[in-house]
Amino acid sequence: MFLFYFFFFTNFTNMTETTKFGGPENDLSNQKPGETTVFLSSSSNLVSSDKQNERVIVITSGKGGVGKTTTTANLGMSIARLGYRVALIDADIGLRNLDLLLGLENRVLYTAMDIVEGQCRLDQALIRDKRWKNLALLAISKNRQKYNVTRKNMQNLIDSVKELGFHFILIDCPAGIDVGFINAIAPAQEAVIVTTPEITAIRDADRVAGLLEANGIYNVKLLVNRVRPDMIQKNDMMSVRDVQEMLGIPLLGAIPEDTNVIISTNRGEPLVLNKKLTLSGIAFENAARRLIGKQDYFIDLTSPQKGMFQKLQEFFLGED
């Protein structure tokens, strides 16, 4: 009997580490447990371009350090792996980090400001990802450079990127609500507000939601980052439902706290590229699928995740 339950819980753990990707032409029937299917980004796997369906989405928060850049990198990579052409725009002037999270920091030769000044073409400034060629990065400026970027500059830039046939354009918005924020949201049609279950971050997110509405962006979704189920259970942290009800914004996803985010950042690989996905990696992928209009489940974060031996202990000895 002990061996039976040991086998059951072992397979249950493996199931949580399995993820499936791909467009309608990708067959996942032969995928093994614990493996991530990786498809080459050939033209046959890409979704056909439709200029009427191009979507420009700004990833914002107001408060710094809540995970906007991490969210942009993981959502963009997940959408690209589903067969869509994705462009990531790092709109943080002078403090760009999106290239680091994608492992492309050594490939940034030209920026958007070089395009504006006529020093290069758009296709020269767009950096193709090393793993997925249908994912591209464009930085606004190099580190330590300060430019007076206008809303018209941003609008013209995004219009030019649209002409290249990208399905999704994700703009990584700088922190704060100053001119950098206003310029970043100018060309956007939709927004994803990233926050954490902290009262300061929630207040800033509420302020940003009002500014987005004032600027004509009404399609707004909420992503709650760094959720700690153990603290929620002890009433030391607000739950995802509490945050969503306070802000009154439709929920896109909830991402649990994960130390692997630091590891993936240092490696220059988004979390969703791990062969064995953690719970936060699965949550990012599910959020990406909901963002493109596919139905997917929300991961249960109402209780702490339990290990195999803890489950066995509770089975034989009962819960505390």
Protein backbone atom coordinates (compact mmCIF):
# COMPACT_ATOMS: atom_id res chain seq x y z
CA MET A 1 0.00 0.00 0.00
CA PHE A 2 2.85 2.37 0.84
CA LEU A 3 4.45 1.75 -2.57
CA PHE A 4 1.15 2.51 -4.30
CA TYR A 5 0.79 5.94 -2.72
CA PHE A 6 4.47 6.65 -3.22
CA PHE A 7 4.01 5.95 -6.95
CA PHE A 8 0.85 8.11 -7.05
CA PHE A 9 2.41 11.15 -5.46
CA THR A 10 5.59 10.82 -7.53
CA ASN A 11 3.57 10.90 -10.75
CA PHE A 12 1.46 13.78 -9.44
CA THR A 13 4.64 15.80 -8.89
CA ASN A 14 5.85 15.02 -12.42
CA MET A 15 2.53 16.15 -13.88
CA THR A 16 2.96 19.61 -12.36
CA GLU A 17 6.30 19.93 -14.15
CA THR A 18 4.91 19.17 -17.58
CA THR A 19 3.90 21.90 -19.99
CA LYS A 20 2.68 21.87 -23.57
CA PHE A 21 3.15 24.44 -26.24
CA GLY A 22 2.53 25.00 -29.89
CA GLY A 23 0.09 26.20 -32.44
CA PRO A 24 -2.65 24.11 -34.03
CA GLU A 25 -0.18 22.29 -36.30
CA ASN A 26 2.02 21.02 -33.45
CA ASP A 27 1.40 17.47 -32.25
CA LEU A 28 2.05 16.97 -28.54
CA SER A 29 0.77 13.41 -28.28
CA ASN A 30 4.27 11.94 -27.88
CA GLN A 31 5.44 14.32 -25.18
CA LYS A 32 6.92 12.61 -22.13
CA PRO A 33 6.22 13.68 -18.54
CA GLY A 34 8.60 16.30 -17.21
CA GLU A 35 9.63 17.51 -20.66
CA THR A 36 8.98 20.79 -22.43
CA THR A 37 8.26 20.58 -26.13
CA VAL A 38 10.35 23.03 -28.15
CA PHE A 39 9.39 23.81 -31.74
CA LEU A 40 11.68 25.47 -34.22
CA SER A 41 10.25 28.79 -35.29
CA SER A 42 9.90 27.90 -38.93
CA SER A 43 7.43 29.66 -41.15
CA SER A 44 5.08 26.67 -41.12
CA ASN A 45 4.55 27.05 -37.36
CA LEU A 46 3.96 30.81 -37.38
CA VAL A 47 0.50 32.32 -37.31
CA SER A 48 -0.29 34.22 -40.49
CA SER A 49 0.02 37.99 -40.20
CA ASP A 50 -3.20 40.02 -40.08
CA LYS A 51 -2.69 43.76 -39.79
CA GLN A 52 -6.18 44.24 -38.38
CA ASN A 53 -5.34 42.03 -35.39
CA GLU A 54 -2.08 43.69 -34.33
CA ARG A 55 -2.09 44.32 -30.59
CA VAL A 56 0.03 46.89 -28.76
CA ILE A 57 0.13 46.17 -25.02
CA VAL A 58 1.98 48.19 -22.40
CA ILE A 59 3.24 46.40 -19.27
CA THR A 60 3.14 48.92 -16.43
CA SER A 61 2.78 49.26 -12.67
CA GLY A 62 3.70 52.69 -11.34
CA LYS A 63 5.83 51.25 -8.53
CA GLY A 64 9.29 49.99 -9.42
CA GLY A 65 10.59 46.53 -8.59
CA VAL A 66 7.30 44.62 -8.87
CA GLY A 67 8.38 42.54 -11.88
CA LYS A 68 7.37 44.46 -15.02
CA THR A 69 10.47 43.50 -17.01
CA THR A 70 10.32 39.87 -15.87
CA THR A 71 6.66 39.75 -16.86
CA THR A 72 7.37 41.30 -20.28
CA ALA A 73 10.14 38.79 -21.02
CA ASN A 74 8.16 35.72 -19.96
CA LEU A 75 4.87 36.74 -21.57
CA GLY A 76 6.66 37.67 -24.80
CA MET A 77 8.60 34.42 -24.93
CA SER A 78 5.50 32.34 -24.18
CA ILE A 79 3.45 34.06 -26.91
CA ALA A 80 6.31 33.62 -29.40
CA ARG A 81 6.46 29.92 -28.63
CA LEU A 82 2.77 29.69 -29.48
CA GLY A 83 3.64 30.72 -33.04
CA TYR A 84 3.03 34.48 -33.01
CA ARG A 85 5.47 37.18 -34.08
CA VAL A 86 6.30 39.26 -31.01
CA ALA A 87 8.24 42.51 -30.60
CA LEU A 88 9.39 43.61 -27.14
CA ILE A 89 10.05 47.33 -26.68
CA ASP A 90 12.21 48.38 -23.72
CA ALA A 91 10.94 51.90 -23.09
CA ASP A 92 13.01 52.48 -19.94
CA ILE A 93 15.41 55.19 -21.12
CA GLY A 94 18.87 54.92 -19.58
CA LEU A 95 17.96 51.96 -17.30
CA ARG A 96 17.12 49.19 -19.74
CA ASN A 97 17.21 45.61 -18.43
CA LEU A 98 15.05 43.64 -20.84
CA ASP A 99 18.07 42.69 -22.94
CA LEU A 100 19.69 41.12 -19.87
CA LEU A 101 16.69 38.93 -19.12
CA LEU A 102 16.72 37.65 -22.71
CA GLY A 103 20.51 37.19 -22.86
CA LEU A 104 20.83 39.73 -25.68
CA GLU A 105 22.86 42.44 -23.93
CA ASN A 106 25.89 41.95 -26.20
CA ARG A 107 23.84 42.26 -29.38
CA VAL A 108 22.48 45.77 -28.81
CA LEU A 109 24.34 47.84 -31.39
CA TYR A 110 21.61 50.28 -32.39
CA THR A 111 18.62 51.67 -30.52
CA ALA A 112 15.40 53.46 -31.37
CA MET A 113 17.10 56.81 -30.93
CA ASP A 114 19.61 55.83 -33.63
CA ILE A 115 16.63 55.25 -35.91
CA VAL A 116 15.17 58.67 -35.06
CA GLU A 117 18.53 60.31 -35.77
CA GLY A 118 18.85 58.47 -39.08
CA GLN A 119 21.91 56.44 -38.11
CA CYS A 120 20.37 53.03 -38.83
CA ARG A 121 17.30 51.28 -40.18
CA LEU A 122 14.58 49.72 -38.03
CA ASP A 123 15.53 46.20 -39.05
CA GLN A 124 19.10 46.88 -37.87
CA ALA A 125 17.95 47.97 -34.41
CA LEU A 126 15.56 45.04 -33.96
CA ILE A 127 17.43 42.15 -32.32
CA ARG A 128 16.18 38.66 -33.08
CA ASP A 129 16.17 36.22 -30.18
CA LYS A 130 18.82 33.51 -30.34
CA ARG A 131 16.30 30.72 -29.70
CA TRP A 132 13.07 31.95 -31.30
CA LYS A 133 13.46 34.04 -34.42
CA ASN A 134 9.86 35.27 -34.28
CA LEU A 135 10.73 37.17 -31.08
CA ALA A 136 12.52 40.52 -31.41
CA LEU A 137 13.77 43.17 -29.01
CA LEU A 138 14.08 46.92 -29.53
CA ALA A 139 15.69 49.16 -26.91
CA ILE A 140 14.82 52.86 -26.86
CA SER A 141 18.30 54.01 -25.90
CA LYS A 142 21.64 52.81 -24.58
CA ASN A 143 22.53 52.89 -20.91
CA ARG A 144 23.28 56.28 -19.35
CA GLN A 145 21.84 58.12 -22.35
CA LYS A 146 19.10 60.71 -21.79
CA TYR A 147 16.94 61.77 -24.68
CA ASN A 148 13.83 63.86 -24.90
CA VAL A 149 11.62 61.20 -26.44
CA THR A 150 8.22 62.57 -27.40
CA ARG A 151 4.87 60.86 -27.71
CA LYS A 152 5.04 61.40 -31.45
CA ASN A 153 8.40 59.61 -31.57
CA MET A 154 6.91 56.61 -29.76
CA GLN A 155 3.81 56.52 -31.94
CA ASN A 156 5.85 56.68 -35.16
CA LEU A 157 8.19 53.99 -33.85
CA ILE A 158 5.38 51.58 -33.00
CA ASP A 159 3.66 52.27 -36.33
CA SER A 160 6.90 51.31 -38.10
CA VAL A 161 7.19 48.10 -36.07
CA LYS A 162 3.60 47.23 -37.00
CA GLU A 163 4.49 47.42 -40.67
CA LEU A 164 6.92 44.52 -40.18
CA GLY A 165 4.03 42.14 -39.48
CA PHE A 166 4.28 41.57 -35.75
CA HIS A 167 1.16 40.20 -34.07
CA PHE A 168 2.00 41.42 -30.56
CA ILE A 169 4.03 44.45 -29.48
CA LEU A 170 4.74 44.48 -25.75
CA ILE A 171 6.08 47.73 -24.27
CA ASP A 172 8.06 47.48 -21.03
CA CYS A 173 7.05 50.72 -19.31
CA PRO A 174 9.44 52.57 -16.96
CA ALA A 175 8.55 52.97 -13.30
CA GLY A 176 6.76 56.09 -12.14
CA ILE A 177 4.10 58.24 -13.78
CA ASP A 178 6.26 60.98 -15.25
CA VAL A 179 6.92 61.79 -18.92
CA GLY A 180 8.51 58.37 -19.53
CA PHE A 181 5.28 56.67 -18.51
CA ILE A 182 3.15 59.00 -20.64
CA ASN A 183 5.34 58.39 -23.70
CA ALA A 184 5.32 54.61 -23.22
CA ILE A 185 1.54 54.31 -23.01
CA ALA A 186 0.90 56.70 -25.93
CA PRO A 187 0.84 54.06 -28.73
CA ALA A 188 -0.77 51.30 -26.60
CA GLN A 189 -4.29 49.97 -27.07
CA GLU A 190 -4.22 47.63 -24.06
CA ALA A 191 -2.41 47.45 -20.74
CA VAL A 192 -1.32 44.87 -18.18
CA ILE A 193 -0.84 46.28 -14.69
CA VAL A 194 1.67 44.33 -12.61
CA THR A 195 1.47 44.60 -8.84
CA THR A 196 2.36 42.69 -5.69
CA PRO A 197 0.10 42.01 -2.69
CA GLU A 198 1.55 45.02 -0.84
CA ILE A 199 -0.49 48.08 0.00
CA THR A 200 2.07 50.50 -1.50
CA ALA A 201 2.19 48.64 -4.82
CA ILE A 202 -1.61 48.34 -4.90
CA ARG A 203 -2.06 52.08 -4.33
CA ASP A 204 0.36 52.87 -7.17
CA ALA A 205 -1.42 50.36 -9.42
CA ASP A 206 -4.75 52.05 -8.68
CA ARG A 207 -3.27 55.41 -9.62
CA VAL A 208 -1.89 53.97 -12.89
CA ALA A 209 -5.29 52.44 -13.73
CA GLY A 210 -6.84 55.89 -13.49
CA LEU A 211 -4.15 57.44 -15.70
CA LEU A 212 -4.60 54.72 -18.32
CA GLU A 213 -8.33 55.38 -18.45
CA ALA A 214 -7.71 59.13 -18.69
CA ASN A 215 -5.50 58.45 -21.73
CA GLY A 216 -8.12 56.33 -23.50
CA ILE A 217 -6.84 52.85 -22.56
CA TYR A 218 -9.80 50.93 -21.21
CA ASN A 219 -8.74 47.34 -21.97
CA VAL A 220 -6.72 46.75 -18.80
CA LYS A 221 -5.83 43.48 -17.09
CA LEU A 222 -4.20 42.72 -13.74
CA LEU A 223 -1.27 40.42 -13.00
CA VAL A 224 -0.46 39.85 -9.32
CA ASN A 225 3.19 38.92 -8.85
CA ARG A 226 5.17 37.38 -5.97
CA VAL A 227 2.25 35.74 -4.24
CA ARG A 228 3.09 33.83 -1.04
CA PRO A 229 0.40 31.22 -0.28
CA ASP A 230 1.93 30.46 3.13
CA MET A 231 1.64 34.10 4.18
CA ILE A 232 -1.90 34.33 2.79
CA GLN A 233 -2.89 31.33 4.88
CA LYS A 234 -1.56 33.07 7.99
CA ASN A 235 -3.36 36.31 7.05
CA ASP A 236 0.00 38.06 6.72
CA MET A 237 -0.56 38.88 3.03
CA MET A 238 -3.59 39.89 1.00
CA SER A 239 -4.98 37.20 -1.25
CA VAL A 240 -5.15 37.54 -5.02
CA ARG A 241 -8.93 37.97 -4.77
CA ASP A 242 -8.50 40.78 -2.24
CA VAL A 243 -6.11 42.61 -4.57
CA GLN A 244 -8.38 42.13 -7.57
CA GLU A 245 -11.42 43.38 -5.68
CA MET A 246 -9.55 46.45 -4.41
CA LEU A 247 -8.48 47.46 -7.91
CA GLY A 248 -11.59 46.31 -9.78
CA ILE A 249 -9.53 45.11 -12.77
CA PRO A 250 -10.02 41.77 -14.57
CA LEU A 251 -7.42 39.24 -13.44
CA LEU A 252 -4.96 37.98 -16.06
CA GLY A 253 -2.89 35.83 -13.75
CA ALA A 254 -1.22 35.32 -10.38
CA ILE A 255 2.47 34.47 -10.17
CA PRO A 256 3.80 32.79 -6.99
CA GLU A 257 7.07 33.85 -5.39
CA ASP A 258 9.93 31.85 -6.92
CA THR A 259 13.68 31.97 -6.28
CA ASN A 260 14.24 30.51 -9.75
CA VAL A 261 13.43 33.95 -11.17
CA ILE A 262 16.81 35.17 -9.92
CA ILE A 263 18.56 32.15 -11.45
CA SER A 264 16.87 32.59 -14.82
CA THR A 265 17.68 36.31 -14.84
CA ASN A 266 21.36 35.67 -14.18
CA ARG A 267 21.41 33.10 -16.99
CA GLY A 268 19.67 35.41 -19.44
CA GLU A 269 16.85 32.93 -20.03
CA PRO A 270 13.18 33.61 -19.26
CA LEU A 271 11.68 31.31 -16.67
CA VAL A 272 9.34 29.70 -19.22
CA LEU A 273 12.32 28.19 -21.06
CA ASN A 274 13.22 25.83 -18.21
CA LYS A 275 12.93 22.17 -19.21
CA LYS A 276 11.07 21.43 -15.99
CA LEU A 277 8.78 24.34 -15.29
CA THR A 278 8.23 25.59 -11.79
CA LEU A 279 4.81 26.73 -10.65
CA SER A 280 5.61 30.34 -11.52
CA GLY A 281 6.71 29.32 -15.03
CA ILE A 282 3.42 27.52 -15.58
CA ALA A 283 1.56 30.56 -14.25
CA PHE A 284 3.33 32.85 -16.75
CA GLU A 285 2.45 30.51 -19.62
CA ASN A 286 -1.17 30.31 -18.59
CA ALA A 287 -1.32 34.11 -18.37
CA ALA A 288 0.15 34.36 -21.88
CA ARG A 289 -2.48 32.00 -23.24
CA ARG A 290 -5.25 34.03 -21.66
CA LEU A 291 -3.71 37.21 -23.05
CA ILE A 292 -3.99 35.92 -26.62
CA GLY A 293 -7.58 34.84 -26.05
CA LYS A 294 -7.24 31.15 -25.20
CA GLN A 295 -9.06 29.68 -22.21
CA ASP A 296 -6.80 28.36 -19.51
CA TYR A 297 -7.01 27.57 -15.82
CA PHE A 298 -5.82 29.66 -12.88
CA ILE A 299 -3.30 27.96 -10.63
CA ASP A 300 -4.60 27.45 -7.10
CA LEU A 301 -2.55 29.68 -4.80
CA THR A 302 -4.91 29.59 -1.83
CA SER A 303 -2.71 27.14 0.09
CA PRO A 304 1.04 26.47 0.23
CA GLN A 305 2.46 23.90 -2.15
CA LYS A 306 3.28 20.67 -0.34
CA GLY A 307 6.12 18.31 -1.10
CA MET A 308 5.74 14.58 -1.66
CA PHE A 309 6.92 13.56 1.82
CA GLN A 310 4.65 16.13 3.47
CA LYS A 311 1.71 14.67 1.56
CA LEU A 312 2.68 11.14 2.64
CA GLN A 313 3.03 12.26 6.23
CA GLU A 314 -0.40 13.88 6.20
CA PHE A 315 -1.90 10.77 4.60
CA PHE A 316 -0.61 8.39 7.29
CA LEU A 317 -0.53 10.71 10.30
CA GLY A 318 -3.23 13.20 9.40
CA GLU A 319 -2.99 16.98 9.08
CA ASP A 320 -1.83 19.11 12.00
